[in-house]
Amino acid sequence: KNEAEGVFEQLGLSVTQAITLFYQQVKLNRGLPFDVRIPNATTLRT
């Protein structure tokens, strides 16, 4: 939470604005705005 809020502050965003942006992207993409995948064996080993 603290680390993310530091990034938001550097971007000039409040937590509310950041959450709203995330929700808007979910709405526009009709899903998460980034890939979510099950890791393969190499990734799990890493």
ModelCIF file with pLDDT and N, C-alpha, C, O atoms, coordinates in Angstrom:
data_MODEL
#
_entry.id   MODEL 
#
_entity.id                         1 
_entity.type                       polymer 
_entity.pdbx_number_of_molecules   1 
#
_entity_poly.entity_id                      1 
_entity_poly.type                           'polypeptide(L)' 
_entity_poly.nstd_linkage                   no 
_entity_poly.nstd_monomer                   no 
_entity_poly.pdbx_seq_one_letter_code       KNEAEGVFEQLGLSVTQAITLFYQQVKLNRGLPFDVRIPNATTLRT 
_entity_poly.pdbx_seq_one_letter_code_can   KNEAEGVFEQLGLSVTQAITLFYQQVKLNRGLPFDVRIPNATTLRT 
_entity_poly.pdbx_strand_id                 A 
#
loop_
_entity_poly_seq.entity_id 
_entity_poly_seq.num 
_entity_poly_seq.mon_id 
_entity_poly_seq.hetero 
1 1  LYS n 
1 2  ASN n 
1 3  GLU n 
1 4  ALA n 
1 5  GLU n 
1 6  GLY n 
1 7  VAL n 
1 8  PHE n 
1 9  GLU n 
1 10 GLN n 
1 11 LEU n 
1 12 GLY n 
1 13 LEU n 
1 14 SER n 
1 15 VAL n 
1 16 THR n 
1 17 GLN n 
1 18 ALA n 
1 19 ILE n 
1 20 THR n 
1 21 LEU n 
1 22 PHE n 
1 23 TYR n 
1 24 GLN n 
1 25 GLN n 
1 26 VAL n 
1 27 LYS n 
1 28 LEU n 
1 29 ASN n 
1 30 ARG n 
1 31 GLY n 
1 32 LEU n 
1 33 PRO n 
1 34 PHE n 
1 35 ASP n 
1 36 VAL n 
1 37 ARG n 
1 38 ILE n 
1 39 PRO n 
1 40 ASN n 
1 41 ALA n 
1 42 THR n 
1 43 THR n 
1 44 LEU n 
1 45 ARG n 
1 46 THR n 
#
_struct_asym.id          A 
_struct_asym.entity_id   1 
#
loop_
_ma_qa_metric.id 
_ma_qa_metric.mode 
_ma_qa_metric.name 
_ma_qa_metric.software_group_id 
_ma_qa_metric.type 
1 global pLDDT . pLDDT 
2 local  pLDDT . pLDDT 
#
_ma_qa_metric_global.metric_id      1 
_ma_qa_metric_global.metric_value   94.54 
_ma_qa_metric_global.model_id       1 
_ma_qa_metric_global.ordinal_id     1 
#
loop_
_ma_qa_metric_local.label_asym_id 
_ma_qa_metric_local.label_comp_id 
_ma_qa_metric_local.label_seq_id 
_ma_qa_metric_local.metric_id 
_ma_qa_metric_local.metric_value 
_ma_qa_metric_local.model_id 
_ma_qa_metric_local.ordinal_id 
A LYS 1  2 97.00 1 1  
A ASN 2  2 97.00 1 2  
A GLU 3  2 97.00 1 3  
A ALA 4  2 97.00 1 4  
A GLU 5  2 97.00 1 5  
A GLY 6  2 97.00 1 6  
A VAL 7  2 96.00 1 7  
A PHE 8  2 97.00 1 8  
A GLU 9  2 97.00 1 9  
A GLN 10 2 97.00 1 10 
A LEU 11 2 96.00 1 11 
A GLY 12 2 97.00 1 12 
A LEU 13 2 97.00 1 13 
A SER 14 2 97.00 1 14 
A VAL 15 2 97.00 1 15 
A THR 16 2 96.00 1 16 
A GLN 17 2 97.00 1 17 
A ALA 18 2 97.00 1 18 
A ILE 19 2 97.00 1 19 
A THR 20 2 97.00 1 20 
A LEU 21 2 97.00 1 21 
A PHE 22 2 97.00 1 22 
A TYR 23 2 97.00 1 23 
A GLN 24 2 98.00 1 24 
A GLN 25 2 97.00 1 25 
A VAL 26 2 97.00 1 26 
A LYS 27 2 98.00 1 27 
A LEU 28 2 97.00 1 28 
A ASN 29 2 96.00 1 29 
A ARG 30 2 96.00 1 30 
A GLY 31 2 95.00 1 31 
A LEU 32 2 94.00 1 32 
A PRO 33 2 94.00 1 33 
A PHE 34 2 92.00 1 34 
A ASP 35 2 89.00 1 35 
A VAL 36 2 85.00 1 36 
A ARG 37 2 86.00 1 37 
A ILE 38 2 88.00 1 38 
A PRO 39 2 86.00 1 39 
A ASN 40 2 91.00 1 40 
A ALA 41 2 92.00 1 41 
A THR 42 2 91.00 1 42 
A THR 43 2 88.00 1 43 
A LEU 44 2 89.00 1 44 
A ARG 45 2 91.00 1 45 
A THR 46 2 91.00 1 46 
#
loop_
_atom_site.group_PDB 
_atom_site.id 
_atom_site.type_symbol 
_atom_site.label_atom_id 
_atom_site.label_alt_id 
_atom_site.label_comp_id 
_atom_site.label_asym_id 
_atom_site.label_entity_id 
_atom_site.label_seq_id 
_atom_site.pdbx_PDB_ins_code 
_atom_site.Cartn_x 
_atom_site.Cartn_y 
_atom_site.Cartn_z 
_atom_site.occupancy 
_atom_site.B_iso_or_equiv 
_atom_site.pdbx_formal_charge 
_atom_site.auth_seq_id 
_atom_site.auth_comp_id 
_atom_site.auth_asym_id 
_atom_site.auth_atom_id 
_atom_site.pdbx_PDB_model_num 
ATOM 1   N N  . LYS A 1 1  ? 0.835   -1.210  0.000   1.00 97.00 ? 1  LYS A N  1 
ATOM 2   C CA . LYS A 1 1  ? 0.000   0.000   0.000   1.00 97.00 ? 1  LYS A CA 1 
ATOM 3   C C  . LYS A 1 1  ? 0.863   1.251   0.000   1.00 97.00 ? 1  LYS A C  1 
ATOM 4   O O  . LYS A 1 1  ? 0.643   2.158   -0.803  1.00 97.00 ? 1  LYS A O  1 
ATOM 5   N N  . ASN A 1 2  ? 1.839   1.307   0.891   1.00 97.00 ? 2  ASN A N  1 
ATOM 6   C CA . ASN A 1 2  ? 2.705   2.479   0.996   1.00 97.00 ? 2  ASN A CA 1 
ATOM 7   C C  . ASN A 1 2  ? 3.513   2.702   -0.273  1.00 97.00 ? 2  ASN A C  1 
ATOM 8   O O  . ASN A 1 2  ? 3.650   3.836   -0.733  1.00 97.00 ? 2  ASN A O  1 
ATOM 9   N N  . GLU A 1 3  ? 4.046   1.631   -0.837  1.00 97.00 ? 3  GLU A N  1 
ATOM 10  C CA . GLU A 1 3  ? 4.845   1.759   -2.053  1.00 97.00 ? 3  GLU A CA 1 
ATOM 11  C C  . GLU A 1 3  ? 3.986   2.244   -3.222  1.00 97.00 ? 3  GLU A C  1 
ATOM 12  O O  . GLU A 1 3  ? 4.389   3.135   -3.969  1.00 97.00 ? 3  GLU A O  1 
ATOM 13  N N  . ALA A 1 4  ? 2.807   1.654   -3.372  1.00 97.00 ? 4  ALA A N  1 
ATOM 14  C CA . ALA A 1 4  ? 1.913   2.061   -4.456  1.00 97.00 ? 4  ALA A CA 1 
ATOM 15  C C  . ALA A 1 4  ? 1.467   3.506   -4.278  1.00 97.00 ? 4  ALA A C  1 
ATOM 16  O O  . ALA A 1 4  ? 1.407   4.258   -5.250  1.00 97.00 ? 4  ALA A O  1 
ATOM 17  N N  . GLU A 1 5  ? 1.155   3.900   -3.055  1.00 97.00 ? 5  GLU A N  1 
ATOM 18  C CA . GLU A 1 5  ? 0.722   5.274   -2.815  1.00 97.00 ? 5  GLU A CA 1 
ATOM 19  C C  . GLU A 1 5  ? 1.842   6.261   -3.106  1.00 97.00 ? 5  GLU A C  1 
ATOM 20  O O  . GLU A 1 5  ? 1.581   7.393   -3.513  1.00 97.00 ? 5  GLU A O  1 
ATOM 21  N N  . GLY A 1 6  ? 3.097   5.840   -2.899  1.00 97.00 ? 6  GLY A N  1 
ATOM 22  C CA . GLY A 1 6  ? 4.230   6.687   -3.267  1.00 97.00 ? 6  GLY A CA 1 
ATOM 23  C C  . GLY A 1 6  ? 4.293   6.904   -4.774  1.00 97.00 ? 6  GLY A C  1 
ATOM 24  O O  . GLY A 1 6  ? 4.588   8.006   -5.237  1.00 97.00 ? 6  GLY A O  1 
ATOM 25  N N  . VAL A 1 7  ? 4.017   5.853   -5.534  1.00 96.00 ? 7  VAL A N  1 
ATOM 26  C CA . VAL A 1 7  ? 3.983   5.966   -6.994  1.00 96.00 ? 7  VAL A CA 1 
ATOM 27  C C  . VAL A 1 7  ? 2.838   6.884   -7.414  1.00 96.00 ? 7  VAL A C  1 
ATOM 28  O O  . VAL A 1 7  ? 3.015   7.750   -8.270  1.00 96.00 ? 7  VAL A O  1 
ATOM 29  N N  . PHE A 1 8  ? 1.666   6.695   -6.813  1.00 97.00 ? 8  PHE A N  1 
ATOM 30  C CA . PHE A 1 8  ? 0.522   7.550   -7.141  1.00 97.00 ? 8  PHE A CA 1 
ATOM 31  C C  . PHE A 1 8  ? 0.864   9.018   -6.888  1.00 97.00 ? 8  PHE A C  1 
ATOM 32  O O  . PHE A 1 8  ? 0.540   9.891   -7.694  1.00 97.00 ? 8  PHE A O  1 
ATOM 33  N N  . GLU A 1 9  ? 1.520   9.273   -5.763  1.00 97.00 ? 9  GLU A N  1 
ATOM 34  C CA . GLU A 1 9  ? 1.885   10.649  -5.413  1.00 97.00 ? 9  GLU A CA 1 
ATOM 35  C C  . GLU A 1 9  ? 2.827   11.239  -6.464  1.00 97.00 ? 9  GLU A C  1 
ATOM 36  O O  . GLU A 1 9  ? 2.670   12.391  -6.869  1.00 97.00 ? 9  GLU A O  1 
ATOM 37  N N  . GLN A 1 10 ? 3.805   10.445  -6.903  1.00 97.00 ? 10 GLN A N  1 
ATOM 38  C CA . GLN A 1 10 ? 4.732   10.917  -7.941  1.00 97.00 ? 10 GLN A CA 1 
ATOM 39  C C  . GLN A 1 10 ? 3.998   11.219  -9.244  1.00 97.00 ? 10 GLN A C  1 
ATOM 40  O O  . GLN A 1 10 ? 4.399   12.101  -10.002 1.00 97.00 ? 10 GLN A O  1 
ATOM 41  N N  . LEU A 1 11 ? 2.924   10.482  -9.494  1.00 96.00 ? 11 LEU A N  1 
ATOM 42  C CA . LEU A 1 11 ? 2.125   10.693  -10.702 1.00 96.00 ? 11 LEU A CA 1 
ATOM 43  C C  . LEU A 1 11 ? 1.092   11.808  -10.530 1.00 96.00 ? 11 LEU A C  1 
ATOM 44  O O  . LEU A 1 11 ? 0.405   12.179  -11.482 1.00 96.00 ? 11 LEU A O  1 
ATOM 45  N N  . GLY A 1 12 ? 0.989   12.335  -9.315  1.00 97.00 ? 12 GLY A N  1 
ATOM 46  C CA . GLY A 1 12 ? 0.019   13.388  -9.047  1.00 97.00 ? 12 GLY A CA 1 
ATOM 47  C C  . GLY A 1 12 ? -1.404  12.868  -8.904  1.00 97.00 ? 12 GLY A C  1 
ATOM 48  O O  . GLY A 1 12 ? -2.367  13.593  -9.158  1.00 97.00 ? 12 GLY A O  1 
ATOM 49  N N  . LEU A 1 13 ? -1.533  11.595  -8.493  1.00 97.00 ? 13 LEU A N  1 
ATOM 50  C CA . LEU A 1 13 ? -2.844  10.964  -8.350  1.00 97.00 ? 13 LEU A CA 1 
ATOM 51  C C  . LEU A 1 13 ? -3.149  10.679  -6.892  1.00 97.00 ? 13 LEU A C  1 
ATOM 52  O O  . LEU A 1 13 ? -2.258  10.340  -6.113  1.00 97.00 ? 13 LEU A O  1 
ATOM 53  N N  . SER A 1 14 ? -4.405  10.817  -6.534  1.00 97.00 ? 14 SER A N  1 
ATOM 54  C CA . SER A 1 14 ? -4.852  10.335  -5.230  1.00 97.00 ? 14 SER A CA 1 
ATOM 55  C C  . SER A 1 14 ? -5.145  8.841   -5.372  1.00 97.00 ? 14 SER A C  1 
ATOM 56  O O  . SER A 1 14 ? -5.236  8.323   -6.486  1.00 97.00 ? 14 SER A O  1 
ATOM 57  N N  . VAL A 1 15 ? -5.291  8.165   -4.257  1.00 97.00 ? 15 VAL A N  1 
ATOM 58  C CA . VAL A 1 15 ? -5.649  6.746   -4.296  1.00 97.00 ? 15 VAL A CA 1 
ATOM 59  C C  . VAL A 1 15 ? -7.004  6.578   -4.981  1.00 97.00 ? 15 VAL A C  1 
ATOM 60  O O  . VAL A 1 15 ? -7.192  5.654   -5.773  1.00 97.00 ? 15 VAL A O  1 
ATOM 61  N N  . THR A 1 16 ? -7.937  7.463   -4.680  1.00 96.00 ? 16 THR A N  1 
ATOM 62  C CA . THR A 1 16 ? -9.259  7.397   -5.313  1.00 96.00 ? 16 THR A CA 1 
ATOM 63  C C  . THR A 1 16 ? -9.150  7.533   -6.822  1.00 96.00 ? 16 THR A C  1 
ATOM 64  O O  . THR A 1 16 ? -9.798  6.788   -7.557  1.00 96.00 ? 16 THR A O  1 
ATOM 65  N N  . GLN A 1 17 ? -8.344  8.468   -7.293  1.00 97.00 ? 17 GLN A N  1 
ATOM 66  C CA . GLN A 1 17 ? -8.168  8.647   -8.738  1.00 97.00 ? 17 GLN A CA 1 
ATOM 67  C C  . GLN A 1 17 ? -7.530  7.415   -9.372  1.00 97.00 ? 17 GLN A C  1 
ATOM 68  O O  . GLN A 1 17 ? -7.923  7.005   -10.463 1.00 97.00 ? 17 GLN A O  1 
ATOM 69  N N  . ALA A 1 18 ? -6.544  6.821   -8.692  1.00 97.00 ? 18 ALA A N  1 
ATOM 70  C CA . ALA A 1 18 ? -5.877  5.630   -9.224  1.00 97.00 ? 18 ALA A CA 1 
ATOM 71  C C  . ALA A 1 18 ? -6.854  4.460   -9.316  1.00 97.00 ? 18 ALA A C  1 
ATOM 72  O O  . ALA A 1 18 ? -6.868  3.743   -10.317 1.00 97.00 ? 18 ALA A O  1 
ATOM 73  N N  . ILE A 1 19 ? -7.661  4.265   -8.292  1.00 97.00 ? 19 ILE A N  1 
ATOM 74  C CA . ILE A 1 19 ? -8.649  3.186   -8.318  1.00 97.00 ? 19 ILE A CA 1 
ATOM 75  C C  . ILE A 1 19 ? -9.679  3.438   -9.413  1.00 97.00 ? 19 ILE A C  1 
ATOM 76  O O  . ILE A 1 19 ? -10.088 2.508   -10.109 1.00 97.00 ? 19 ILE A O  1 
ATOM 77  N N  . THR A 1 20 ? -10.096 4.686   -9.568  1.00 97.00 ? 20 THR A N  1 
ATOM 78  C CA . THR A 1 20 ? -11.053 5.025   -10.621 1.00 97.00 ? 20 THR A CA 1 
ATOM 79  C C  . THR A 1 20 ? -10.461 4.735   -11.998 1.00 97.00 ? 20 THR A C  1 
ATOM 80  O O  . THR A 1 20 ? -11.151 4.202   -12.867 1.00 97.00 ? 20 THR A O  1 
ATOM 81  N N  . LEU A 1 21 ? -9.191  5.080   -12.203 1.00 97.00 ? 21 LEU A N  1 
ATOM 82  C CA . LEU A 1 21 ? -8.527  4.772   -13.479 1.00 97.00 ? 21 LEU A CA 1 
ATOM 83  C C  . LEU A 1 21 ? -8.501  3.269   -13.730 1.00 97.00 ? 21 LEU A C  1 
ATOM 84  O O  . LEU A 1 21 ? -8.762  2.818   -14.845 1.00 97.00 ? 21 LEU A O  1 
ATOM 85  N N  . PHE A 1 22 ? -8.187  2.497   -12.699 1.00 97.00 ? 22 PHE A N  1 
ATOM 86  C CA . PHE A 1 22 ? -8.164  1.042   -12.838 1.00 97.00 ? 22 PHE A CA 1 
ATOM 87  C C  . PHE A 1 22 ? -9.543  0.530   -13.241 1.00 97.00 ? 22 PHE A C  1 
ATOM 88  O O  . PHE A 1 22 ? -9.659  -0.265  -14.173 1.00 97.00 ? 22 PHE A O  1 
ATOM 89  N N  . TYR A 1 23 ? -10.581 0.975   -12.550 1.00 97.00 ? 23 TYR A N  1 
ATOM 90  C CA . TYR A 1 23 ? -11.944 0.535   -12.867 1.00 97.00 ? 23 TYR A CA 1 
ATOM 91  C C  . TYR A 1 23 ? -12.349 0.956   -14.278 1.00 97.00 ? 23 TYR A C  1 
ATOM 92  O O  . TYR A 1 23 ? -13.021 0.197   -14.978 1.00 97.00 ? 23 TYR A O  1 
ATOM 93  N N  . GLN A 1 24 ? -11.949 2.155   -14.705 1.00 98.00 ? 24 GLN A N  1 
ATOM 94  C CA . GLN A 1 24 ? -12.268 2.605   -16.064 1.00 98.00 ? 24 GLN A CA 1 
ATOM 95  C C  . GLN A 1 24 ? -11.592 1.697   -17.095 1.00 98.00 ? 24 GLN A C  1 
ATOM 96  O O  . GLN A 1 24 ? -12.192 1.364   -18.118 1.00 98.00 ? 24 GLN A O  1 
ATOM 97  N N  . GLN A 1 25 ? -10.352 1.300   -16.830 1.00 97.00 ? 25 GLN A N  1 
ATOM 98  C CA . GLN A 1 25 ? -9.637  0.415   -17.751 1.00 97.00 ? 25 GLN A CA 1 
ATOM 99  C C  . GLN A 1 25 ? -10.278 -0.977  -17.789 1.00 97.00 ? 25 GLN A C  1 
ATOM 100 O O  . GLN A 1 25 ? -10.367 -1.592  -18.852 1.00 97.00 ? 25 GLN A O  1 
ATOM 101 N N  . VAL A 1 26 ? -10.717 -1.464  -16.648 1.00 97.00 ? 26 VAL A N  1 
ATOM 102 C CA . VAL A 1 26 ? -11.431 -2.749  -16.611 1.00 97.00 ? 26 VAL A CA 1 
ATOM 103 C C  . VAL A 1 26 ? -12.682 -2.655  -17.468 1.00 97.00 ? 26 VAL A C  1 
ATOM 104 O O  . VAL A 1 26 ? -12.981 -3.559  -18.248 1.00 97.00 ? 26 VAL A O  1 
ATOM 105 N N  . LYS A 1 27 ? -13.402 -1.567  -17.319 1.00 98.00 ? 27 LYS A N  1 
ATOM 106 C CA . LYS A 1 27 ? -14.626 -1.359  -18.104 1.00 98.00 ? 27 LYS A CA 1 
ATOM 107 C C  . LYS A 1 27 ? -14.307 -1.299  -19.602 1.00 98.00 ? 27 LYS A C  1 
ATOM 108 O O  . LYS A 1 27 ? -14.964 -1.964  -20.402 1.00 98.00 ? 27 LYS A O  1 
ATOM 109 N N  . LEU A 1 28 ? -13.296 -0.501  -19.984 1.00 97.00 ? 28 LEU A N  1 
ATOM 110 C CA . LEU A 1 28 ? -12.942 -0.345  -21.399 1.00 97.00 ? 28 LEU A CA 1 
ATOM 111 C C  . LEU A 1 28 ? -12.429 -1.639  -22.022 1.00 97.00 ? 28 LEU A C  1 
ATOM 112 O O  . LEU A 1 28 ? -12.741 -1.953  -23.171 1.00 97.00 ? 28 LEU A O  1 
ATOM 113 N N  . ASN A 1 29 ? -11.626 -2.398  -21.238 1.00 96.00 ? 29 ASN A N  1 
ATOM 114 C CA . ASN A 1 29 ? -11.039 -3.648  -21.734 1.00 96.00 ? 29 ASN A CA 1 
ATOM 115 C C  . ASN A 1 29 ? -11.964 -4.843  -21.572 1.00 96.00 ? 29 ASN A C  1 
ATOM 116 O O  . ASN A 1 29 ? -11.711 -5.918  -22.116 1.00 96.00 ? 29 ASN A O  1 
ATOM 117 N N  . ARG A 1 30 ? -13.041 -4.643  -20.816 1.00 96.00 ? 30 ARG A N  1 
ATOM 118 C CA . ARG A 1 30 ? -13.950 -5.731  -20.485 1.00 96.00 ? 30 ARG A CA 1 
ATOM 119 C C  . ARG A 1 30 ? -13.169 -6.884  -19.834 1.00 96.00 ? 30 ARG A C  1 
ATOM 120 O O  . ARG A 1 30 ? -13.419 -8.058  -20.107 1.00 96.00 ? 30 ARG A O  1 
ATOM 121 N N  . GLY A 1 31 ? -12.246 -6.524  -18.991 1.00 95.00 ? 31 GLY A N  1 
ATOM 122 C CA . GLY A 1 31 ? -11.390 -7.468  -18.277 1.00 95.00 ? 31 GLY A CA 1 
ATOM 123 C C  . GLY A 1 31 ? -10.252 -6.695  -17.639 1.00 95.00 ? 31 GLY A C  1 
ATOM 124 O O  . GLY A 1 31 ? -10.234 -5.465  -17.670 1.00 95.00 ? 31 GLY A O  1 
ATOM 125 N N  . LEU A 1 32 ? -9.320  -7.405  -17.070 1.00 94.00 ? 32 LEU A N  1 
ATOM 126 C CA . LEU A 1 32 ? -8.173  -6.741  -16.449 1.00 94.00 ? 32 LEU A CA 1 
ATOM 127 C C  . LEU A 1 32 ? -7.322  -6.056  -17.518 1.00 94.00 ? 32 LEU A C  1 
ATOM 128 O O  . LEU A 1 32 ? -7.179  -6.582  -18.622 1.00 94.00 ? 32 LEU A O  1 
ATOM 129 N N  . PRO A 1 33 ? -6.762  -4.898  -17.204 1.00 94.00 ? 33 PRO A N  1 
ATOM 130 C CA . PRO A 1 33 ? -5.992  -4.160  -18.203 1.00 94.00 ? 33 PRO A CA 1 
ATOM 131 C C  . PRO A 1 33 ? -4.544  -4.648  -18.345 1.00 94.00 ? 33 PRO A C  1 
ATOM 132 O O  . PRO A 1 33 ? -3.675  -3.901  -18.796 1.00 94.00 ? 33 PRO A O  1 
ATOM 133 N N  . PHE A 1 34 ? -4.298  -5.876  -17.968 1.00 92.00 ? 34 PHE A N  1 
ATOM 134 C CA . PHE A 1 34 ? -2.983  -6.498  -18.111 1.00 92.00 ? 34 PHE A CA 1 
ATOM 135 C C  . PHE A 1 34 ? -3.195  -7.999  -18.187 1.00 92.00 ? 34 PHE A C  1 
ATOM 136 O O  . PHE A 1 34 ? -4.234  -8.513  -17.773 1.00 92.00 ? 34 PHE A O  1 
ATOM 137 N N  . ASP A 1 35 ? -2.197  -8.702  -18.722 1.00 89.00 ? 35 ASP A N  1 
ATOM 138 C CA . ASP A 1 35 ? -2.311  -10.156 -18.847 1.00 89.00 ? 35 ASP A CA 1 
ATOM 139 C C  . ASP A 1 35 ? -2.205  -10.827 -17.483 1.00 89.00 ? 35 ASP A C  1 
ATOM 140 O O  . ASP A 1 35 ? -1.346  -10.476 -16.674 1.00 89.00 ? 35 ASP A O  1 
ATOM 141 N N  . VAL A 1 36 ? -3.068  -11.777 -17.237 1.00 85.00 ? 36 VAL A N  1 
ATOM 142 C CA . VAL A 1 36 ? -3.010  -12.608 -16.037 1.00 85.00 ? 36 VAL A CA 1 
ATOM 143 C C  . VAL A 1 36 ? -2.935  -14.041 -16.543 1.00 85.00 ? 36 VAL A C  1 
ATOM 144 O O  . VAL A 1 36 ? -3.858  -14.551 -17.179 1.00 85.00 ? 36 VAL A O  1 
ATOM 145 N N  . ARG A 1 37 ? -1.816  -14.666 -16.241 1.00 86.00 ? 37 ARG A N  1 
ATOM 146 C CA . ARG A 1 37 ? -1.594  -16.012 -16.766 1.00 86.00 ? 37 ARG A CA 1 
ATOM 147 C C  . ARG A 1 37 ? -1.123  -16.947 -15.660 1.00 86.00 ? 37 ARG A C  1 
ATOM 148 O O  . ARG A 1 37 ? -0.538  -16.515 -14.667 1.00 86.00 ? 37 ARG A O  1 
ATOM 149 N N  . ILE A 1 38 ? -1.385  -18.215 -15.849 1.00 88.00 ? 38 ILE A N  1 
ATOM 150 C CA . ILE A 1 38 ? -0.865  -19.240 -14.944 1.00 88.00 ? 38 ILE A CA 1 
ATOM 151 C C  . ILE A 1 38 ? 0.603   -19.434 -15.304 1.00 88.00 ? 38 ILE A C  1 
ATOM 152 O O  . ILE A 1 38 ? 0.916   -19.692 -16.467 1.00 88.00 ? 38 ILE A O  1 
ATOM 153 N N  . PRO A 1 39 ? 1.512   -19.315 -14.335 1.00 86.00 ? 39 PRO A N  1 
ATOM 154 C CA . PRO A 1 39 ? 2.940   -19.426 -14.649 1.00 86.00 ? 39 PRO A CA 1 
ATOM 155 C C  . PRO A 1 39 ? 3.315   -20.831 -15.114 1.00 86.00 ? 39 PRO A C  1 
ATOM 156 O O  . PRO A 1 39 ? 2.774   -21.830 -14.641 1.00 86.00 ? 39 PRO A O  1 
ATOM 157 N N  . ASN A 1 40 ? 4.266   -20.875 -16.063 1.00 91.00 ? 40 ASN A N  1 
ATOM 158 C CA . ASN A 1 40 ? 4.756   -22.167 -16.538 1.00 91.00 ? 40 ASN A CA 1 
ATOM 159 C C  . ASN A 1 40 ? 5.842   -22.682 -15.588 1.00 91.00 ? 40 ASN A C  1 
ATOM 160 O O  . ASN A 1 40 ? 6.182   -22.017 -14.609 1.00 91.00 ? 40 ASN A O  1 
ATOM 161 N N  . ALA A 1 41 ? 6.377   -23.856 -15.878 1.00 92.00 ? 41 ALA A N  1 
ATOM 162 C CA . ALA A 1 41 ? 7.357   -24.500 -14.993 1.00 92.00 ? 41 ALA A CA 1 
ATOM 163 C C  . ALA A 1 41 ? 8.610   -23.652 -14.816 1.00 92.00 ? 41 ALA A C  1 
ATOM 164 O O  . ALA A 1 41 ? 9.141   -23.563 -13.709 1.00 92.00 ? 41 ALA A O  1 
ATOM 165 N N  . THR A 1 42 ? 9.089   -23.031 -15.881 1.00 91.00 ? 42 THR A N  1 
ATOM 166 C CA . THR A 1 42 ? 10.286  -22.191 -15.799 1.00 91.00 ? 42 THR A CA 1 
ATOM 167 C C  . THR A 1 42 ? 10.050  -21.000 -14.882 1.00 91.00 ? 42 THR A C  1 
ATOM 168 O O  . THR A 1 42 ? 10.902  -20.665 -14.059 1.00 91.00 ? 42 THR A O  1 
ATOM 169 N N  . THR A 1 43 ? 8.919   -20.375 -15.021 1.00 88.00 ? 43 THR A N  1 
ATOM 170 C CA . THR A 1 43 ? 8.584   -19.230 -14.180 1.00 88.00 ? 43 THR A CA 1 
ATOM 171 C C  . THR A 1 43 ? 8.460   -19.654 -12.720 1.00 88.00 ? 43 THR A C  1 
ATOM 172 O O  . THR A 1 43 ? 8.931   -18.949 -11.827 1.00 88.00 ? 43 THR A O  1 
ATOM 173 N N  . LEU A 1 44 ? 7.831   -20.797 -12.473 1.00 89.00 ? 44 LEU A N  1 
ATOM 174 C CA . LEU A 1 44 ? 7.702   -21.290 -11.096 1.00 89.00 ? 44 LEU A CA 1 
ATOM 175 C C  . LEU A 1 44 ? 9.068   -21.575 -10.479 1.00 89.00 ? 44 LEU A C  1 
ATOM 176 O O  . LEU A 1 44 ? 9.297   -21.272 -9.308  1.00 89.00 ? 44 LEU A O  1 
ATOM 177 N N  . ARG A 1 45 ? 9.981   -22.161 -11.272 1.00 91.00 ? 45 ARG A N  1 
ATOM 178 C CA . ARG A 1 45 ? 11.343  -22.410 -10.774 1.00 91.00 ? 45 ARG A CA 1 
ATOM 179 C C  . ARG A 1 45 ? 12.043  -21.092 -10.459 1.00 91.00 ? 45 ARG A C  1 
ATOM 180 O O  . ARG A 1 45 ? 12.732  -20.978 -9.446  1.00 91.00 ? 45 ARG A O  1 
ATOM 181 N N  . THR A 1 46 ? 11.868  -20.108 -11.318 1.00 91.00 ? 46 THR A N  1 
ATOM 182 C CA . THR A 1 46 ? 12.479  -18.798 -11.090 1.00 91.00 ? 46 THR A CA 1 
ATOM 183 C C  . THR A 1 46 ? 11.945  -18.176 -9.812  1.00 91.00 ? 46 THR A C  1 
ATOM 184 O O  . THR A 1 46 ? 12.343  -17.068 -9.452  1.00 91.00 ? 46 THR A O  1 
#
